[in-house]
Amino acid sequence: MWRLKDTSINDVSSGKVSADLLYQNGFKVIGWDIEWQHDAKTKVPIQTVTDIMELIEMRLKENKTVRKGHLVLLAHDEMFRMGWEESELKKLIGKLKRRGCYRFEHLRNYPD
C-alpha cells in the first residue's frame, strides 16, 4: 500500500480507507518494492543474500520500483532472531555498501 504525492497503489483492498485517511492527514504511506521472504513456520529467510542482492540490482536497473532510483526492502524482524540470520542481513548490507553505488536512508527521507 502506497500513498505519496502522485502515487496511490493498493496491494489489497483491506486498508485502503485507512491509507487514504492517513495521507489526507499529512502522512506518507510507504509500502515496499521487495520483500525478503521467509518460511511462515520456521521464520528462516527463503532467499539467500545473493538472491536478494540480484533482485535489488535488477529492480533498480530496470526501473521497477515505485520511485526511480529508490528501493524499499521489507525484511521481517522475526527472520533475524538467530545469530546466523542476523549475520545474513549484515552480509547483505555490507555487500551493497561495498558496491559503492548504494546509500541507506531512513524512510522519513523517502521522496514524496
C-alpha atoms as a PDB file:
ATOM      1  CA  MET A   1       0.000   0.000   0.000  1.00  0.00           C
ATOM      2  CA  TRP A   2       1.426   3.374  -1.039  1.00  0.00           C
ATOM      3  CA  ARG A   3       0.175   6.931  -0.686  1.00  0.00           C
ATOM      4  CA  LEU A   4       2.551   9.609  -1.914  1.00  0.00           C
ATOM      5  CA  LYS A   5       2.145  12.923  -3.730  1.00  0.00           C
ATOM      6  CA  ASP A   6       1.418  11.421  -7.153  1.00  0.00           C
ATOM      7  CA  THR A   7       1.169   7.744  -6.242  1.00  0.00           C
ATOM      8  CA  SER A   8      -1.677   5.620  -4.914  1.00  0.00           C
ATOM      9  CA  ILE A   9      -1.091   1.869  -5.025  1.00  0.00           C
ATOM     10  CA  ASN A  10      -3.289  -0.755  -3.372  1.00  0.00           C
ATOM     11  CA  ASP A  11      -1.818  -4.224  -2.943  1.00  0.00           C
ATOM     12  CA  VAL A  12      -5.023  -5.444  -1.327  1.00  0.00           C
ATOM     13  CA  SER A  13      -8.402  -3.824  -0.735  1.00  0.00           C
ATOM     14  CA  SER A  14      -8.295  -4.018   3.058  1.00  0.00           C
ATOM     15  CA  GLY A  15      -6.610  -0.965   4.499  1.00  0.00           C
ATOM     16  CA  LYS A  16      -7.405   1.278   1.527  1.00  0.00           C
ATOM     17  CA  VAL A  17      -9.658   3.618   3.525  1.00  0.00           C
ATOM     18  CA  SER A  18      -7.126   3.817   6.359  1.00  0.00           C
ATOM     19  CA  ALA A  19      -4.287   4.571   3.931  1.00  0.00           C
ATOM     20  CA  ASP A  20      -6.358   7.333   2.317  1.00  0.00           C
ATOM     21  CA  LEU A  21      -7.166   8.870   5.708  1.00  0.00           C
ATOM     22  CA  LEU A  22      -3.539   8.769   6.810  1.00  0.00           C
ATOM     23  CA  TYR A  23      -2.414  10.507   3.631  1.00  0.00           C
ATOM     24  CA  GLN A  24      -5.198  13.104   3.876  1.00  0.00           C
ATOM     25  CA  ASN A  25      -3.911  13.907   7.364  1.00  0.00           C
ATOM     26  CA  GLY A  26      -0.346  14.559   6.228  1.00  0.00           C
ATOM     27  CA  PHE A  27       1.256  11.129   6.499  1.00  0.00           C
ATOM     28  CA  LYS A  28       3.119   9.249   3.789  1.00  0.00           C
ATOM     29  CA  VAL A  29       2.087   5.622   3.440  1.00  0.00           C
ATOM     30  CA  ILE A  30       5.103   3.680   2.218  1.00  0.00           C
ATOM     31  CA  GLY A  31       4.947   0.081   1.106  1.00  0.00           C
ATOM     32  CA  TRP A  32       7.883  -1.924  -0.211  1.00  0.00           C
ATOM     33  CA  ASP A  33       9.427  -2.770  -3.551  1.00  0.00           C
ATOM     34  CA  ILE A  34      10.920  -6.100  -2.472  1.00  0.00           C
ATOM     35  CA  GLU A  35      10.079  -8.411   0.411  1.00  0.00           C
ATOM     36  CA  TRP A  36      12.810 -10.677   1.760  1.00  0.00           C
ATOM     37  CA  GLN A  37      10.571 -13.686   2.152  1.00  0.00           C
ATOM     38  CA  HIS A  38      10.709 -16.179   4.973  1.00  0.00           C
ATOM     39  CA  ASP A  39       9.221 -19.550   5.836  1.00  0.00           C
ATOM     40  CA  ALA A  40       5.951 -18.968   7.703  1.00  0.00           C
ATOM     41  CA  LYS A  41       6.650 -21.688  10.282  1.00  0.00           C
ATOM     42  CA  THR A  42      10.393 -21.527  10.857  1.00  0.00           C
ATOM     43  CA  LYS A  43      10.778 -17.779  10.088  1.00  0.00           C
ATOM     44  CA  VAL A  44      14.023 -18.626   8.262  1.00  0.00           C
ATOM     45  CA  PRO A  45      14.774 -16.472   5.186  1.00  0.00           C
ATOM     46  CA  ILE A  46      13.901 -18.251   1.942  1.00  0.00           C
ATOM     47  CA  GLN A  47      16.109 -16.235  -0.397  1.00  0.00           C
ATOM     48  CA  THR A  48      19.854 -16.106   0.031  1.00  0.00           C
ATOM     49  CA  VAL A  49      21.821 -12.884   0.349  1.00  0.00           C
ATOM     50  CA  THR A  50      22.899 -13.357  -3.269  1.00  0.00           C
ATOM     51  CA  ASP A  51      19.275 -13.853  -4.394  1.00  0.00           C
ATOM     52  CA  ILE A  52      18.135 -10.645  -2.695  1.00  0.00           C
ATOM     53  CA  MET A  53      21.123  -8.675  -3.924  1.00  0.00           C
ATOM     54  CA  GLU A  54      20.490  -9.768  -7.521  1.00  0.00           C
ATOM     55  CA  LEU A  55      16.806  -8.875  -7.195  1.00  0.00           C
ATOM     56  CA  ILE A  56      17.662  -5.421  -5.799  1.00  0.00           C
ATOM     57  CA  GLU A  57      20.110  -4.771  -8.629  1.00  0.00           C
ATOM     58  CA  MET A  58      17.667  -5.981 -11.284  1.00  0.00           C
ATOM     59  CA  ARG A  59      14.750  -3.896  -9.986  1.00  0.00           C
ATOM     60  CA  LEU A  60      16.863  -0.748  -9.831  1.00  0.00           C
ATOM     61  CA  LYS A  61      18.449  -1.347 -13.244  1.00  0.00           C
ATOM     62  CA  GLU A  62      15.061  -1.971 -14.879  1.00  0.00           C
ATOM     63  CA  ASN A  63      13.400   0.934 -13.005  1.00  0.00           C
ATOM     64  CA  LYS A  64      10.860  -1.437 -11.461  1.00  0.00           C
ATOM     65  CA  THR A  65      10.470   0.395  -8.165  1.00  0.00           C
ATOM     66  CA  VAL A  66       7.805   2.842  -7.024  1.00  0.00           C
ATOM     67  CA  ARG A  67      10.312   5.725  -7.158  1.00  0.00           C
ATOM     68  CA  LYS A  68      13.072   5.579  -9.765  1.00  0.00           C
ATOM     69  CA  GLY A  69      16.460   5.124  -8.104  1.00  0.00           C
ATOM     70  CA  HIS A  70      14.914   4.311  -4.716  1.00  0.00           C
ATOM     71  CA  LEU A  71      14.068   0.916  -3.287  1.00  0.00           C
ATOM     72  CA  VAL A  72      12.306  -0.139  -0.099  1.00  0.00           C
ATOM     73  CA  LEU A  73      13.240  -3.615   1.158  1.00  0.00           C
ATOM     74  CA  LEU A  74      10.927  -5.278   3.669  1.00  0.00           C
ATOM     75  CA  ALA A  75      12.869  -7.613   5.950  1.00  0.00           C
ATOM     76  CA  HIS A  76      10.780  -9.015   8.805  1.00  0.00           C
ATOM     77  CA  ASP A  77      12.252  -8.775  12.328  1.00  0.00           C
ATOM     78  CA  GLU A  78      11.369 -12.391  13.046  1.00  0.00           C
ATOM     79  CA  MET A  79      13.775 -13.508  10.309  1.00  0.00           C
ATOM     80  CA  PHE A  80      16.783 -12.304  12.258  1.00  0.00           C
ATOM     81  CA  ARG A  81      16.384 -13.789  15.744  1.00  0.00           C
ATOM     82  CA  MET A  82      19.265 -16.228  15.494  1.00  0.00           C
ATOM     83  CA  GLY A  83      22.853 -15.030  15.253  1.00  0.00           C
ATOM     84  CA  TRP A  84      23.453 -16.563  11.829  1.00  0.00           C
ATOM     85  CA  GLU A  85      20.274 -14.956  10.498  1.00  0.00           C
ATOM     86  CA  GLU A  86      21.324 -11.546  11.778  1.00  0.00           C
ATOM     87  CA  SER A  87      24.646 -12.012  10.036  1.00  0.00           C
ATOM     88  CA  GLU A  88      22.774 -12.580   6.753  1.00  0.00           C
ATOM     89  CA  LEU A  89      21.270  -9.097   6.999  1.00  0.00           C
ATOM     90  CA  LYS A  90      24.663  -7.637   7.888  1.00  0.00           C
ATOM     91  CA  LYS A  91      26.189  -9.522   4.956  1.00  0.00           C
ATOM     92  CA  LEU A  92      23.630  -8.037   2.550  1.00  0.00           C
ATOM     93  CA  ILE A  93      24.185  -4.508   3.841  1.00  0.00           C
ATOM     94  CA  GLY A  94      27.962  -4.952   3.667  1.00  0.00           C
ATOM     95  CA  LYS A  95      27.857  -6.259   0.091  1.00  0.00           C
ATOM     96  CA  LEU A  96      25.638  -3.402  -1.049  1.00  0.00           C
ATOM     97  CA  LYS A  97      27.829  -0.795   0.649  1.00  0.00           C
ATOM     98  CA  ARG A  98      30.976  -2.264  -0.922  1.00  0.00           C
ATOM     99  CA  ARG A  99      29.447  -1.773  -4.371  1.00  0.00           C
ATOM    100  CA  GLY A 100      29.754   1.948  -3.682  1.00  0.00           C
ATOM    101  CA  CYS A 101      26.569   2.903  -5.500  1.00  0.00           C
ATOM    102  CA  TYR A 102      24.008   2.354  -2.749  1.00  0.00           C
ATOM    103  CA  ARG A 103      23.017   4.613   0.113  1.00  0.00           C
ATOM    104  CA  PHE A 104      20.880   3.671   3.084  1.00  0.00           C
ATOM    105  CA  GLU A 105      18.365   6.239   4.331  1.00  0.00           C
ATOM    106  CA  HIS A 106      15.618   6.481   6.897  1.00  0.00           C
ATOM    107  CA  LEU A 107      12.108   6.250   5.455  1.00  0.00           C
ATOM    108  CA  ARG A 108      11.427   9.831   6.561  1.00  0.00           C
ATOM    109  CA  ASN A 109      13.745  10.833   3.688  1.00  0.00           C
ATOM    110  CA  TYR A 110      11.868   8.826   1.065  1.00  0.00           C
ATOM    111  CA  PRO A 111      10.837  11.167  -1.771  1.00  0.00           C
ATOM    112  CA  ASP A 112       7.197  12.186  -1.888  1.00  0.00           C
END
